[in-house]
């Protein structure tokens, strides 16, 4: 069962990092991707990014790819489990929005 259902919602940082690594990326690339995708609303600091990466590696949501060069940059990619986690979170968020729209729509025109 997805992480978001078992242990609560994903943090915004974890959610965006998982989206970023659908395509293999290194840390700085992840930071840039998240900033761009969120239109500047989410800016990950190095501590937040690498703390989240460490946790997601331990949980098996992402994996580090073997370096093809002597580069110190580690490249990360989402795992199948990570994709399940993202799908579960998207479903959870869609339900939140749907419920909110129902209530807001029901009371929108009351004064």
C-alpha atoms as a PDB file:
ATOM      1  CA  UNK A   1       0.000   0.000   0.000  1.00  0.00           C
ATOM      2  CA  UNK A   2       1.373   3.468  -0.815  1.00  0.00           C
ATOM      3  CA  UNK A   3       3.251   5.489   1.762  1.00  0.00           C
ATOM      4  CA  UNK A   4       0.702   8.291   1.654  1.00  0.00           C
ATOM      5  CA  UNK A   5      -2.081   5.947   2.776  1.00  0.00           C
ATOM      6  CA  UNK A   6      -0.137   4.112   5.453  1.00  0.00           C
ATOM      7  CA  UNK A   7       1.853   6.871   7.097  1.00  0.00           C
ATOM      8  CA  UNK A   8       0.201  10.094   6.081  1.00  0.00           C
ATOM      9  CA  UNK A   9       0.807  12.499   3.269  1.00  0.00           C
ATOM     10  CA  UNK A  10       4.121  12.926   1.542  1.00  0.00           C
ATOM     11  CA  UNK A  11       5.881  16.159   2.282  1.00  0.00           C
ATOM     12  CA  UNK A  12       5.869  18.612  -0.577  1.00  0.00           C
ATOM     13  CA  UNK A  13       9.642  18.256  -0.934  1.00  0.00           C
ATOM     14  CA  UNK A  14       9.485  14.444  -1.175  1.00  0.00           C
ATOM     15  CA  UNK A  15       6.602  14.616  -3.648  1.00  0.00           C
ATOM     16  CA  UNK A  16       8.454  17.002  -5.962  1.00  0.00           C
ATOM     17  CA  UNK A  17      11.738  15.102  -5.675  1.00  0.00           C
ATOM     18  CA  UNK A  18       9.979  11.891  -6.695  1.00  0.00           C
ATOM     19  CA  UNK A  19       8.482  13.668  -9.700  1.00  0.00           C
ATOM     20  CA  UNK A  20      11.904  15.031 -10.617  1.00  0.00           C
ATOM     21  CA  UNK A  21      13.596  11.650 -10.702  1.00  0.00           C
ATOM     22  CA  UNK A  22      11.224  10.010 -13.162  1.00  0.00           C
ATOM     23  CA  UNK A  23      14.167  10.984 -15.373  1.00  0.00           C
ATOM     24  CA  UNK A  24      17.623  10.311 -13.888  1.00  0.00           C
ATOM     25  CA  UNK A  25      18.986  13.497 -12.307  1.00  0.00           C
ATOM     26  CA  UNK A  26      21.733  14.626  -9.969  1.00  0.00           C
ATOM     27  CA  UNK A  27      21.065  16.756  -6.910  1.00  0.00           C
ATOM     28  CA  UNK A  28      21.457  20.175  -8.498  1.00  0.00           C
ATOM     29  CA  UNK A  29      19.310  19.076 -11.454  1.00  0.00           C
ATOM     30  CA  UNK A  30      16.599  17.979  -9.011  1.00  0.00           C
ATOM     31  CA  UNK A  31      16.696  21.380  -7.306  1.00  0.00           C
ATOM     32  CA  UNK A  32      16.353  23.170 -10.655  1.00  0.00           C
ATOM     33  CA  UNK A  33      13.555  20.865 -11.850  1.00  0.00           C
ATOM     34  CA  UNK A  34      11.523  21.372  -8.664  1.00  0.00           C
ATOM     35  CA  UNK A  35      11.890  25.149  -8.819  1.00  0.00           C
ATOM     36  CA  UNK A  36      10.861  25.180 -12.484  1.00  0.00           C
ATOM     37  CA  UNK A  37       7.930  22.756 -12.114  1.00  0.00           C
ATOM     38  CA  UNK A  38       6.551  24.652  -9.113  1.00  0.00           C
ATOM     39  CA  UNK A  39       7.051  27.994 -10.890  1.00  0.00           C
ATOM     40  CA  UNK A  40       9.392  29.122  -8.115  1.00  0.00           C
ATOM     41  CA  UNK A  41       7.010  28.296  -5.275  1.00  0.00           C
ATOM     42  CA  UNK A  42       9.192  25.450  -3.979  1.00  0.00           C
ATOM     43  CA  UNK A  43      12.936  25.952  -3.614  1.00  0.00           C
ATOM     44  CA  UNK A  44      14.828  23.058  -2.068  1.00  0.00           C
ATOM     45  CA  UNK A  45      17.871  23.746   0.035  1.00  0.00           C
ATOM     46  CA  UNK A  46      20.745  21.283  -0.029  1.00  0.00           C
ATOM     47  CA  UNK A  47      19.999  20.030   3.491  1.00  0.00           C
ATOM     48  CA  UNK A  48      16.350  19.370   2.700  1.00  0.00           C
ATOM     49  CA  UNK A  49      17.200  17.715  -0.607  1.00  0.00           C
ATOM     50  CA  UNK A  50      19.901  15.387   0.643  1.00  0.00           C
ATOM     51  CA  UNK A  51      18.043  14.516   3.845  1.00  0.00           C
ATOM     52  CA  UNK A  52      15.007  13.540   1.769  1.00  0.00           C
ATOM     53  CA  UNK A  53      17.169  11.626  -0.714  1.00  0.00           C
ATOM     54  CA  UNK A  54      18.769   9.661   2.119  1.00  0.00           C
ATOM     55  CA  UNK A  55      15.358   8.715   3.518  1.00  0.00           C
ATOM     56  CA  UNK A  56      13.957   7.787   0.104  1.00  0.00           C
ATOM     57  CA  UNK A  57      17.002   5.618  -0.652  1.00  0.00           C
ATOM     58  CA  UNK A  58      16.471   3.768   2.636  1.00  0.00           C
ATOM     59  CA  UNK A  59      12.768   3.244   1.880  1.00  0.00           C
ATOM     60  CA  UNK A  60      13.456   2.105  -1.677  1.00  0.00           C
ATOM     61  CA  UNK A  61      11.531   4.949  -3.342  1.00  0.00           C
ATOM     62  CA  UNK A  62      14.585   5.949  -5.390  1.00  0.00           C
ATOM     63  CA  UNK A  63      17.908   4.402  -6.321  1.00  0.00           C
ATOM     64  CA  UNK A  64      21.349   5.816  -7.025  1.00  0.00           C
ATOM     65  CA  UNK A  65      22.617   4.909 -10.471  1.00  0.00           C
ATOM     66  CA  UNK A  66      26.156   3.752 -11.122  1.00  0.00           C
ATOM     67  CA  UNK A  67      28.333   6.621 -12.239  1.00  0.00           C
ATOM     68  CA  UNK A  68      29.559   6.297 -15.812  1.00  0.00           C
ATOM     69  CA  UNK A  69      32.406   8.684 -15.153  1.00  0.00           C
ATOM     70  CA  UNK A  70      34.608   9.801 -12.303  1.00  0.00           C
ATOM     71  CA  UNK A  71      32.114  12.555 -11.578  1.00  0.00           C
ATOM     72  CA  UNK A  72      31.305  13.136  -7.922  1.00  0.00           C
ATOM     73  CA  UNK A  73      27.703  13.848  -8.867  1.00  0.00           C
ATOM     74  CA  UNK A  74      25.346  11.053  -7.886  1.00  0.00           C
ATOM     75  CA  UNK A  75      22.416  10.452 -10.192  1.00  0.00           C
ATOM     76  CA  UNK A  76      19.094   9.270  -8.798  1.00  0.00           C
ATOM     77  CA  UNK A  77      16.091   7.582 -10.395  1.00  0.00           C
ATOM     78  CA  UNK A  78      12.646   6.643  -9.098  1.00  0.00           C
ATOM     79  CA  UNK A  79      11.916   2.952  -8.458  1.00  0.00           C
ATOM     80  CA  UNK A  80       8.702   1.057  -9.161  1.00  0.00           C
ATOM     81  CA  UNK A  81       7.835   1.435  -5.473  1.00  0.00           C
ATOM     82  CA  UNK A  82       8.435   5.170  -5.756  1.00  0.00           C
ATOM     83  CA  UNK A  83       6.062   5.317  -8.725  1.00  0.00           C
ATOM     84  CA  UNK A  84       3.402   3.532  -6.652  1.00  0.00           C
ATOM     85  CA  UNK A  85       3.931   6.088  -3.892  1.00  0.00           C
ATOM     86  CA  UNK A  86       3.493   8.985  -6.339  1.00  0.00           C
ATOM     87  CA  UNK A  87       0.326   7.430  -7.799  1.00  0.00           C
ATOM     88  CA  UNK A  88      -1.132   6.992  -4.315  1.00  0.00           C
ATOM     89  CA  UNK A  89      -0.300  10.573  -3.397  1.00  0.00           C
ATOM     90  CA  UNK A  90      -1.861  11.934  -6.580  1.00  0.00           C
ATOM     91  CA  UNK A  91      -5.038   9.978  -5.820  1.00  0.00           C
ATOM     92  CA  UNK A  92      -5.054  11.298  -2.240  1.00  0.00           C
ATOM     93  CA  UNK A  93      -4.598  14.881  -3.439  1.00  0.00           C
ATOM     94  CA  UNK A  94      -7.335  14.495  -6.061  1.00  0.00           C
ATOM     95  CA  UNK A  95      -9.713  13.295  -3.330  1.00  0.00           C
ATOM     96  CA  UNK A  96      -8.822  16.303  -1.174  1.00  0.00           C
ATOM     97  CA  UNK A  97      -9.524  18.692  -4.034  1.00  0.00           C
ATOM     98  CA  UNK A  98     -12.764  16.908  -4.929  1.00  0.00           C
ATOM     99  CA  UNK A  99     -14.007  17.051  -1.337  1.00  0.00           C
ATOM    100  CA  UNK A 100     -13.058  20.702  -1.059  1.00  0.00           C
ATOM    101  CA  UNK A 101     -14.816  21.559  -4.304  1.00  0.00           C
ATOM    102  CA  UNK A 102     -17.976  19.789  -3.134  1.00  0.00           C
ATOM    103  CA  UNK A 103     -18.113  21.779   0.071  1.00  0.00           C
ATOM    104  CA  UNK A 104     -17.053  25.071  -1.453  1.00  0.00           C
ATOM    105  CA  UNK A 105     -19.595  24.644  -4.266  1.00  0.00           C
ATOM    106  CA  UNK A 106     -22.367  23.855  -1.810  1.00  0.00           C
ATOM    107  CA  UNK A 107     -21.744  27.006   0.237  1.00  0.00           C
ATOM    108  CA  UNK A 108     -20.314  29.311  -2.414  1.00  0.00           C
ATOM    109  CA  UNK A 109     -23.450  31.359  -2.912  1.00  0.00           C
ATOM    110  CA  UNK A 110     -24.600  31.539   0.690  1.00  0.00           C
ATOM    111  CA  UNK A 111     -24.168  34.889   2.335  1.00  0.00           C
END
